[in-house]
Amino acid sequence: MDLALLRASDFPFSFRRAWRTSSAIGLRGTVSHTADSPRSLRFDLRIDPADLYLRKVETGWAGRLSVWYNAFGSDGWNEPGSQGPVDLRLTQAQYEAALRDGLAFQQVLNVNASAKMVRAMVVDEELGSIGSITIVVEK
């Protein structure tokens, strides 16, 4: 969604729901407050490995992805941040579990206290496909 349109519409109905996705990569996620700080949020993300380019290798399955996070607050969207690309190396058992449950990623985010939404963006570094999920922060 165009950021100017998002600001102009003052959060359309679809953004008031618990979550929203835009994806070539299937994502599920939750956001929860941590006990550490009112500015800390834990983002639990599940990625559908069927939407990633995972190639069969001798020891199982391999791929490469990046996960980016950002938050929307009173000043708009902040700059996305990432820990950098992740090289996936899955055994056959891990791959089968991921197909069943999703690939799990957790990240604690330090956000402005005015954060209303957080977004995770996943990039398949092999295909260039992207998935995103935006979740409303419950106060």
N, C-alpha and C. Protein backbone atom coordinates (compact mmCIF):
# COMPACT_ATOMS: atom_id res chain seq x y z
N MET A 1 0.85 -1.17 0.00
CA MET A 1 0.00 0.00 0.00
C MET A 1 0.89 1.23 0.00
N ASP A 2 0.56 2.22 -0.78
CA ASP A 2 1.32 3.45 -0.86
C ASP A 2 1.25 4.19 0.48
N LEU A 3 2.41 4.63 1.00
CA LEU A 3 2.46 5.28 2.30
C LEU A 3 1.62 6.54 2.32
N ALA A 4 1.63 7.34 1.24
CA ALA A 4 0.81 8.55 1.20
C ALA A 4 -0.66 8.21 1.32
N LEU A 5 -1.07 7.12 0.66
CA LEU A 5 -2.46 6.68 0.76
C LEU A 5 -2.77 6.24 2.18
N LEU A 6 -1.85 5.53 2.81
CA LEU A 6 -2.05 5.08 4.19
C LEU A 6 -2.25 6.27 5.11
N ARG A 7 -1.41 7.30 5.00
CA ARG A 7 -1.54 8.49 5.84
C ARG A 7 -2.84 9.23 5.54
N ALA A 8 -3.17 9.34 4.26
CA ALA A 8 -4.35 10.10 3.87
C ALA A 8 -5.63 9.43 4.35
N SER A 9 -5.62 8.13 4.41
CA SER A 9 -6.85 7.42 4.78
C SER A 9 -6.97 7.19 6.28
N ASP A 10 -5.94 7.59 7.05
CA ASP A 10 -5.96 7.45 8.50
C ASP A 10 -6.36 6.05 8.94
N PHE A 11 -5.63 5.09 8.43
CA PHE A 11 -5.82 3.67 8.76
C PHE A 11 -7.18 3.15 8.33
N PRO A 12 -7.27 2.68 7.10
CA PRO A 12 -8.52 2.10 6.63
C PRO A 12 -8.91 0.89 7.47
N PHE A 13 -10.13 0.47 7.32
CA PHE A 13 -10.65 -0.63 8.13
C PHE A 13 -9.74 -1.85 8.12
N SER A 14 -9.17 -2.19 6.97
CA SER A 14 -8.36 -3.39 6.88
C SER A 14 -7.15 -3.36 7.81
N PHE A 15 -6.65 -2.17 8.17
CA PHE A 15 -5.52 -2.09 9.08
C PHE A 15 -5.94 -2.16 10.54
N ARG A 16 -7.21 -2.11 10.81
CA ARG A 16 -7.67 -2.21 12.19
C ARG A 16 -7.80 -3.66 12.64
N ARG A 17 -7.71 -4.58 11.70
CA ARG A 17 -7.76 -5.99 12.05
C ARG A 17 -6.49 -6.39 12.77
N ALA A 18 -6.46 -7.56 13.33
CA ALA A 18 -5.30 -8.02 14.09
C ALA A 18 -4.07 -8.16 13.22
N TRP A 19 -4.22 -8.51 11.95
CA TRP A 19 -3.06 -8.66 11.07
C TRP A 19 -3.47 -8.48 9.63
N ARG A 20 -2.47 -8.26 8.80
CA ARG A 20 -2.68 -8.11 7.36
C ARG A 20 -1.43 -8.62 6.66
N THR A 21 -1.60 -9.34 5.57
CA THR A 21 -0.45 -9.84 4.84
C THR A 21 -0.48 -9.35 3.39
N SER A 22 0.68 -9.28 2.80
CA SER A 22 0.84 -8.99 1.39
C SER A 22 2.00 -9.86 0.96
N SER A 23 1.75 -10.87 0.13
CA SER A 23 2.79 -11.86 0.03
C SER A 23 2.83 -12.70 -1.21
N ALA A 24 4.06 -12.99 -1.60
CA ALA A 24 4.36 -14.14 -2.43
C ALA A 24 4.88 -15.23 -1.50
N ILE A 25 5.16 -14.86 -0.25
CA ILE A 25 5.64 -15.79 0.77
C ILE A 25 4.62 -15.77 1.90
N GLY A 26 4.07 -16.93 2.22
CA GLY A 26 3.08 -17.03 3.29
C GLY A 26 3.70 -16.79 4.66
N LEU A 27 3.07 -15.91 5.44
CA LEU A 27 3.56 -15.55 6.76
C LEU A 27 2.42 -15.56 7.77
N ARG A 28 2.75 -15.94 9.00
CA ARG A 28 1.86 -15.80 10.15
C ARG A 28 2.69 -15.17 11.24
N GLY A 29 2.08 -14.38 12.10
CA GLY A 29 2.87 -13.77 13.15
C GLY A 29 2.02 -13.22 14.27
N THR A 30 2.70 -13.01 15.39
CA THR A 30 2.09 -12.36 16.55
C THR A 30 3.10 -11.38 17.12
N VAL A 31 2.58 -10.38 17.81
CA VAL A 31 3.41 -9.41 18.51
C VAL A 31 2.93 -9.37 19.95
N SER A 32 3.88 -9.37 20.89
CA SER A 32 3.53 -9.28 22.31
C SER A 32 4.52 -8.36 23.02
N HIS A 33 4.06 -7.75 24.09
CA HIS A 33 4.94 -6.90 24.89
C HIS A 33 5.86 -7.79 25.72
N THR A 34 7.08 -7.33 25.93
CA THR A 34 8.00 -8.06 26.79
C THR A 34 7.99 -7.43 28.17
N ALA A 35 8.48 -8.15 29.15
CA ALA A 35 8.55 -7.62 30.51
C ALA A 35 9.74 -6.67 30.68
N ASP A 36 10.68 -6.70 29.74
CA ASP A 36 11.91 -5.91 29.87
C ASP A 36 11.67 -4.41 29.84
N SER A 37 10.83 -3.96 28.91
CA SER A 37 10.67 -2.53 28.69
C SER A 37 9.36 -2.28 27.96
N PRO A 38 8.71 -1.14 28.25
CA PRO A 38 7.48 -0.82 27.50
C PRO A 38 7.76 -0.56 26.02
N ARG A 39 9.03 -0.36 25.67
CA ARG A 39 9.41 -0.12 24.28
C ARG A 39 9.80 -1.40 23.55
N SER A 40 9.82 -2.52 24.25
CA SER A 40 10.23 -3.79 23.65
C SER A 40 9.01 -4.62 23.25
N LEU A 41 9.03 -5.11 22.02
CA LEU A 41 7.99 -5.99 21.51
C LEU A 41 8.65 -7.26 20.98
N ARG A 42 8.02 -8.38 21.24
CA ARG A 42 8.50 -9.65 20.69
C ARG A 42 7.66 -9.99 19.47
N PHE A 43 8.34 -10.19 18.35
CA PHE A 43 7.68 -10.55 17.09
C PHE A 43 7.97 -12.02 16.84
N ASP A 44 6.92 -12.84 16.87
CA ASP A 44 7.03 -14.26 16.55
C ASP A 44 6.49 -14.46 15.15
N LEU A 45 7.33 -14.96 14.27
CA LEU A 45 7.01 -15.07 12.86
C LEU A 45 7.12 -16.52 12.41
N ARG A 46 6.16 -16.96 11.59
CA ARG A 46 6.21 -18.28 10.95
C ARG A 46 6.18 -18.07 9.45
N ILE A 47 7.15 -18.67 8.76
CA ILE A 47 7.31 -18.52 7.32
C ILE A 47 6.97 -19.85 6.66
N ASP A 48 6.15 -19.82 5.61
CA ASP A 48 5.80 -21.03 4.87
C ASP A 48 6.95 -21.42 3.96
N PRO A 49 7.66 -22.53 4.26
CA PRO A 49 8.81 -22.91 3.45
C PRO A 49 8.43 -23.35 2.03
N ALA A 50 7.16 -23.69 1.81
CA ALA A 50 6.73 -24.08 0.47
C ALA A 50 6.82 -22.90 -0.50
N ASP A 51 6.86 -21.66 0.04
CA ASP A 51 6.94 -20.46 -0.80
C ASP A 51 8.37 -19.98 -1.00
N LEU A 52 9.34 -20.70 -0.43
CA LEU A 52 10.75 -20.34 -0.56
C LEU A 52 11.44 -21.25 -1.56
N TYR A 53 12.53 -20.76 -2.13
CA TYR A 53 13.35 -21.63 -2.98
C TYR A 53 14.34 -22.34 -2.05
N LEU A 54 14.01 -23.57 -1.71
CA LEU A 54 14.89 -24.42 -0.91
C LEU A 54 15.36 -25.54 -1.83
N ARG A 55 16.65 -25.63 -1.99
CA ARG A 55 17.19 -26.65 -2.90
C ARG A 55 17.65 -27.86 -2.09
N LYS A 56 17.46 -29.01 -2.70
CA LYS A 56 17.88 -30.27 -2.08
C LYS A 56 19.40 -30.34 -2.12
N VAL A 57 20.01 -30.58 -0.97
CA VAL A 57 21.45 -30.77 -0.87
C VAL A 57 21.69 -32.11 -0.19
N GLU A 58 22.92 -32.52 -0.15
CA GLU A 58 23.26 -33.84 0.39
C GLU A 58 22.74 -34.06 1.81
N THR A 59 22.80 -33.02 2.63
CA THR A 59 22.42 -33.16 4.04
C THR A 59 20.98 -32.76 4.32
N GLY A 60 20.21 -32.35 3.32
CA GLY A 60 18.82 -31.94 3.53
C GLY A 60 18.39 -30.88 2.54
N TRP A 61 18.10 -29.67 3.05
CA TRP A 61 17.57 -28.57 2.24
C TRP A 61 18.31 -27.29 2.59
N ALA A 62 18.52 -26.42 1.59
CA ALA A 62 19.26 -25.18 1.81
C ALA A 62 18.58 -24.03 1.08
N GLY A 63 18.69 -22.84 1.66
CA GLY A 63 18.15 -21.63 1.05
C GLY A 63 18.74 -20.42 1.76
N ARG A 64 18.29 -19.25 1.34
CA ARG A 64 18.80 -18.01 1.92
C ARG A 64 17.67 -16.98 1.94
N LEU A 65 17.46 -16.35 3.08
CA LEU A 65 16.44 -15.33 3.19
C LEU A 65 16.89 -14.21 4.12
N SER A 66 16.20 -13.08 4.03
CA SER A 66 16.40 -11.96 4.94
C SER A 66 15.06 -11.62 5.56
N VAL A 67 15.09 -11.25 6.83
CA VAL A 67 13.89 -10.80 7.54
C VAL A 67 14.13 -9.36 7.98
N TRP A 68 13.24 -8.48 7.58
CA TRP A 68 13.32 -7.06 7.92
C TRP A 68 12.12 -6.69 8.79
N TYR A 69 12.34 -5.79 9.74
CA TYR A 69 11.27 -5.34 10.63
C TYR A 69 11.23 -3.82 10.63
N ASN A 70 10.03 -3.26 10.77
CA ASN A 70 9.89 -1.84 11.08
C ASN A 70 8.58 -1.60 11.79
N ALA A 71 8.41 -0.39 12.33
CA ALA A 71 7.23 -0.05 13.12
C ALA A 71 6.62 1.25 12.62
N PHE A 72 5.31 1.38 12.81
CA PHE A 72 4.59 2.59 12.45
C PHE A 72 4.11 3.25 13.73
N GLY A 73 4.48 4.52 13.91
CA GLY A 73 4.06 5.27 15.09
C GLY A 73 3.60 6.66 14.70
N SER A 74 3.63 7.57 15.64
CA SER A 74 3.14 8.93 15.39
C SER A 74 3.94 9.67 14.33
N ASP A 75 5.19 9.25 14.09
CA ASP A 75 6.04 9.88 13.07
C ASP A 75 6.04 9.11 11.75
N GLY A 76 5.17 8.13 11.60
CA GLY A 76 5.14 7.33 10.38
C GLY A 76 5.99 6.07 10.53
N TRP A 77 6.35 5.46 9.39
CA TRP A 77 7.14 4.24 9.39
C TRP A 77 8.60 4.58 9.68
N ASN A 78 9.24 3.81 10.56
CA ASN A 78 10.67 3.99 10.78
C ASN A 78 11.44 3.21 9.71
N GLU A 79 12.74 3.42 9.66
CA GLU A 79 13.58 2.71 8.70
C GLU A 79 13.58 1.22 9.03
N PRO A 80 13.41 0.35 8.03
CA PRO A 80 13.47 -1.09 8.30
C PRO A 80 14.86 -1.51 8.76
N GLY A 81 14.90 -2.49 9.63
CA GLY A 81 16.17 -3.03 10.10
C GLY A 81 16.19 -4.54 9.94
N SER A 82 17.39 -5.09 9.76
CA SER A 82 17.55 -6.53 9.56
C SER A 82 18.86 -6.97 10.20
N GLN A 83 18.89 -8.21 10.61
CA GLN A 83 20.12 -8.81 11.11
C GLN A 83 21.01 -9.29 9.96
N GLY A 84 20.52 -9.18 8.74
CA GLY A 84 21.26 -9.63 7.57
C GLY A 84 20.72 -10.95 7.06
N PRO A 85 21.23 -11.41 5.92
CA PRO A 85 20.74 -12.66 5.34
C PRO A 85 20.98 -13.86 6.27
N VAL A 86 20.07 -14.81 6.19
CA VAL A 86 20.14 -16.04 6.97
C VAL A 86 20.31 -17.19 5.98
N ASP A 87 21.37 -17.97 6.16
CA ASP A 87 21.56 -19.17 5.35
C ASP A 87 20.83 -20.31 6.04
N LEU A 88 19.82 -20.84 5.38
CA LEU A 88 19.04 -21.95 5.93
C LEU A 88 19.70 -23.27 5.57
N ARG A 89 19.86 -24.12 6.54
CA ARG A 89 20.35 -25.49 6.35
C ARG A 89 19.45 -26.39 7.19
N LEU A 90 18.56 -27.11 6.53
CA LEU A 90 17.58 -27.94 7.23
C LEU A 90 17.83 -29.41 6.95
N THR A 91 17.78 -30.21 8.00
CA THR A 91 17.78 -31.65 7.80
C THR A 91 16.42 -32.04 7.23
N GLN A 92 16.29 -33.27 6.78
CA GLN A 92 15.00 -33.72 6.25
C GLN A 92 13.92 -33.61 7.33
N ALA A 93 14.24 -33.98 8.56
CA ALA A 93 13.26 -33.90 9.66
C ALA A 93 12.86 -32.44 9.94
N GLN A 94 13.83 -31.53 9.94
CA GLN A 94 13.53 -30.11 10.15
C GLN A 94 12.67 -29.56 9.01
N TYR A 95 12.98 -29.98 7.80
CA TYR A 95 12.21 -29.53 6.63
C TYR A 95 10.76 -30.00 6.75
N GLU A 96 10.55 -31.25 7.11
CA GLU A 96 9.19 -31.77 7.25
C GLU A 96 8.44 -31.06 8.36
N ALA A 97 9.12 -30.77 9.48
CA ALA A 97 8.50 -30.02 10.58
C ALA A 97 8.15 -28.60 10.13
N ALA A 98 9.03 -27.97 9.34
CA ALA A 98 8.77 -26.62 8.84
C ALA A 98 7.59 -26.61 7.89
N LEU A 99 7.45 -27.62 7.05
CA LEU A 99 6.30 -27.71 6.16
C LEU A 99 5.00 -27.81 6.96
N ARG A 100 5.06 -28.48 8.08
CA ARG A 100 3.89 -28.66 8.93
C ARG A 100 3.60 -27.40 9.76
N ASP A 101 4.64 -26.81 10.37
CA ASP A 101 4.46 -25.74 11.36
C ASP A 101 4.94 -24.36 10.91
N GLY A 102 5.71 -24.29 9.83
CA GLY A 102 6.32 -23.04 9.40
C GLY A 102 7.72 -22.90 9.99
N LEU A 103 8.56 -22.12 9.31
CA LEU A 103 9.89 -21.81 9.84
C LEU A 103 9.73 -20.72 10.90
N ALA A 104 10.21 -20.97 12.10
CA ALA A 104 10.01 -20.03 13.21
C ALA A 104 11.17 -19.04 13.32
N PHE A 105 10.83 -17.76 13.42
CA PHE A 105 11.79 -16.70 13.68
C PHE A 105 11.21 -15.82 14.78
N GLN A 106 12.06 -15.45 15.76
CA GLN A 106 11.65 -14.54 16.81
C GLN A 106 12.62 -13.37 16.84
N GLN A 107 12.07 -12.19 17.11
CA GLN A 107 12.91 -10.99 17.20
C GLN A 107 12.30 -10.06 18.23
N VAL A 108 13.13 -9.57 19.15
CA VAL A 108 12.69 -8.53 20.06
C VAL A 108 13.03 -7.20 19.42
N LEU A 109 12.02 -6.35 19.30
CA LEU A 109 12.18 -5.06 18.65
C LEU A 109 12.08 -3.95 19.69
N ASN A 110 12.98 -2.98 19.61
CA ASN A 110 12.87 -1.77 20.42
C ASN A 110 12.19 -0.73 19.56
N VAL A 111 11.00 -0.32 19.97
CA VAL A 111 10.19 0.59 19.16
C VAL A 111 9.83 1.82 19.97
N ASN A 112 9.42 2.85 19.28
CA ASN A 112 8.92 4.05 19.92
C ASN A 112 7.64 3.69 20.68
N ALA A 113 7.43 4.32 21.82
CA ALA A 113 6.24 4.02 22.62
C ALA A 113 4.95 4.30 21.87
N SER A 114 5.01 5.12 20.81
CA SER A 114 3.80 5.43 20.04
C SER A 114 3.52 4.40 18.95
N ALA A 115 4.30 3.33 18.88
CA ALA A 115 4.12 2.33 17.81
C ALA A 115 2.70 1.78 17.82
N LYS A 116 2.08 1.83 16.65
CA LYS A 116 0.71 1.33 16.48
C LYS A 116 0.69 0.01 15.73
N MET A 117 1.68 -0.18 14.85
CA MET A 117 1.77 -1.39 14.05
C MET A 117 3.23 -1.74 13.86
N VAL A 118 3.49 -3.02 13.68
CA VAL A 118 4.82 -3.47 13.29
C VAL A 118 4.68 -4.35 12.05
N ARG A 119 5.73 -4.33 11.24
CA ARG A 119 5.71 -5.08 9.99
C ARG A 119 6.97 -5.94 9.91
N ALA A 120 6.80 -7.16 9.43
CA ALA A 120 7.93 -8.01 9.08
C ALA A 120 7.88 -8.22 7.58
N MET A 121 9.03 -8.14 6.95
CA MET A 121 9.16 -8.38 5.52
C MET A 121 10.19 -9.49 5.33
N VAL A 122 9.85 -10.50 4.57
CA VAL A 122 10.74 -11.62 4.31
C VAL A 122 11.10 -11.59 2.84
N VAL A 123 12.40 -11.68 2.56
CA VAL A 123 12.89 -11.69 1.19
C VAL A 123 13.59 -13.02 0.94
N ASP A 124 13.13 -13.76 -0.06
CA ASP A 124 13.84 -14.96 -0.48
C ASP A 124 15.01 -14.48 -1.33
N GLU A 125 16.21 -14.60 -0.82
CA GLU A 125 17.40 -14.07 -1.48
C GLU A 125 17.73 -14.83 -2.76
N GLU A 126 17.19 -16.02 -2.93
CA GLU A 126 17.45 -16.81 -4.13
C GLU A 126 16.49 -16.43 -5.27
N LEU A 127 15.21 -16.22 -4.94
CA LEU A 127 14.19 -15.91 -5.95
C LEU A 127 13.91 -14.42 -6.09
N GLY A 128 14.13 -13.69 -5.00
CA GLY A 128 13.76 -12.28 -4.99
C GLY A 128 12.30 -12.05 -4.62
N SER A 129 11.59 -13.10 -4.24
CA SER A 129 10.19 -12.93 -3.83
C SER A 129 10.13 -12.35 -2.42
N ILE A 130 9.01 -11.68 -2.14
CA ILE A 130 8.85 -10.95 -0.88
C ILE A 130 7.50 -11.29 -0.27
N GLY A 131 7.48 -11.35 1.04
CA GLY A 131 6.24 -11.47 1.78
C GLY A 131 6.28 -10.48 2.93
N SER A 132 5.13 -9.97 3.32
CA SER A 132 5.09 -9.08 4.48
C SER A 132 3.83 -9.34 5.29
N ILE A 133 3.94 -9.01 6.55
CA ILE A 133 2.80 -9.08 7.45
C ILE A 133 2.86 -7.86 8.35
N THR A 134 1.72 -7.21 8.54
CA THR A 134 1.61 -6.04 9.40
C THR A 134 0.65 -6.40 10.52
N ILE A 135 1.07 -6.15 11.75
CA ILE A 135 0.27 -6.52 12.92
C ILE A 135 0.04 -5.29 13.79
N VAL A 136 -1.19 -5.09 14.22
CA VAL A 136 -1.55 -4.00 15.10
C VAL A 136 -1.00 -4.32 16.51
N VAL A 137 -0.37 -3.31 17.12
CA VAL A 137 0.16 -3.47 18.49
C VAL A 137 -0.97 -3.18 19.46
N GLU A 138 -1.31 -4.15 20.26
CA GLU A 138 -2.34 -3.98 21.28
C GLU A 138 -1.73 -3.25 22.47
N LYS A 139 -2.39 -2.23 22.95
CA LYS A 139 -1.87 -1.45 24.08
C LYS A 139 -2.25 -2.07 25.39
